[in-house]
Amino acid sequence: MNMASDDIAVERPVLATIIVAVVATVAYVGVQLGFDGAVAPAETASFVLIFTLVYVAGSRYLRERTNDTGDDAATGDDAAGEPVE
């Protein structure tokens, strides 16, 4: 994952979740307007809810997986012969 976004997700998980929800809302409304020309509020809300829940579950899973395996195993940089920074 991106190191700058990792800092935001770890230090301010609520802010990161809000940003994801806002971006998902804007993207889905844009898709709806592009295809139908109208916005369905219930459909948009259900999409944003599911998308945000998947984001939260995925980031939590990746954070726990990284903590369980250690930093060297998670990055995979040693296998390529490159130093880990």
Protein backbone atom coordinates (compact mmCIF):
# COMPACT_ATOMS: atom_id res chain seq x y z
CA MET A 1 0.00 0.00 0.00
CA ASN A 2 0.98 3.62 -0.38
CA MET A 3 2.99 4.85 2.61
CA ALA A 4 1.32 8.30 2.76
CA SER A 5 -2.16 6.78 2.71
CA ASP A 6 -1.04 4.20 5.30
CA ASP A 7 -0.25 7.04 7.69
CA ILE A 8 -3.70 8.57 7.25
CA ALA A 9 -5.45 5.21 7.53
CA VAL A 10 -3.58 4.31 10.72
CA GLU A 11 -3.45 7.70 12.42
CA ARG A 12 -6.93 8.92 11.41
CA PRO A 13 -9.10 5.96 10.41
CA VAL A 14 -12.35 7.96 10.68
CA LEU A 15 -11.03 10.64 8.31
CA ALA A 16 -9.83 7.98 5.87
CA THR A 17 -13.25 6.30 5.97
CA ILE A 18 -15.02 9.61 5.35
CA ILE A 19 -12.74 10.36 2.39
CA VAL A 20 -13.45 6.93 0.91
CA ALA A 21 -17.20 7.41 1.36
CA VAL A 22 -17.12 10.86 -0.27
CA VAL A 23 -15.06 9.64 -3.22
CA ALA A 24 -17.37 6.63 -3.66
CA THR A 25 -20.41 8.91 -3.57
CA VAL A 26 -19.04 11.31 -6.16
CA ALA A 27 -17.93 8.47 -8.44
CA TYR A 28 -21.23 6.62 -8.23
CA VAL A 29 -23.32 9.74 -8.78
CA GLY A 30 -21.16 10.51 -11.81
CA VAL A 31 -21.74 7.03 -13.19
CA GLN A 32 -25.48 7.29 -12.61
CA LEU A 33 -25.68 10.67 -14.31
CA GLY A 34 -23.64 9.37 -17.22
CA PHE A 35 -25.80 6.31 -17.82
CA ASP A 36 -29.31 7.31 -16.71
CA GLY A 37 -29.23 11.05 -16.33
CA ALA A 38 -30.85 10.67 -12.90
CA VAL A 39 -29.60 9.88 -9.40
CA ALA A 40 -31.23 7.16 -7.31
CA PRO A 41 -30.55 8.11 -3.66
CA ALA A 42 -31.27 4.66 -2.17
CA GLU A 43 -29.07 2.93 -4.73
CA THR A 44 -26.27 5.44 -4.16
CA ALA A 45 -26.50 5.07 -0.38
CA SER A 46 -26.39 1.26 -0.55
CA PHE A 47 -23.40 1.35 -2.91
CA VAL A 48 -21.50 3.79 -0.69
CA LEU A 49 -22.29 1.76 2.44
CA ILE A 50 -21.13 -1.53 0.91
CA PHE A 51 -18.04 0.07 -0.68
CA THR A 52 -17.04 1.73 2.60
CA LEU A 53 -17.56 -1.46 4.61
CA VAL A 54 -15.38 -3.39 2.17
CA TYR A 55 -12.70 -0.68 2.45
CA VAL A 56 -12.75 -0.77 6.27
CA ALA A 57 -12.67 -4.59 6.40
CA GLY A 58 -9.91 -4.77 3.79
CA SER A 59 -7.70 -2.18 5.44
CA ARG A 60 -8.16 -3.82 8.84
CA TYR A 61 -7.30 -7.24 7.36
CA LEU A 62 -4.18 -5.91 5.63
CA ARG A 63 -3.05 -4.06 8.76
CA GLU A 64 -3.46 -7.20 10.92
CA ARG A 65 -1.76 -9.36 8.29
CA THR A 66 1.19 -6.96 8.11
CA ASN A 67 1.50 -6.91 11.91
CA ASP A 68 1.35 -10.72 12.14
CA THR A 69 3.99 -11.47 9.50
CA GLY A 70 6.39 -8.65 10.27
CA ASP A 71 7.53 -5.83 8.03
CA ASP A 72 10.18 -7.76 6.04
CA ALA A 73 7.83 -10.54 4.95
CA ALA A 74 5.03 -8.14 4.06
CA THR A 75 7.06 -5.93 1.72
CA GLY A 76 8.71 -8.73 -0.23
CA ASP A 77 11.60 -6.43 -1.17
CA ASP A 78 14.31 -8.77 0.16
CA ALA A 79 13.35 -11.46 -2.34
CA ALA A 80 14.19 -9.09 -5.19
CA GLY A 81 17.60 -8.35 -3.68
CA GLU A 82 16.72 -4.73 -2.99
CA PRO A 83 17.36 -3.23 0.45
CA VAL A 84 14.35 -2.55 2.61
CA GLU A 85 13.99 1.12 3.57
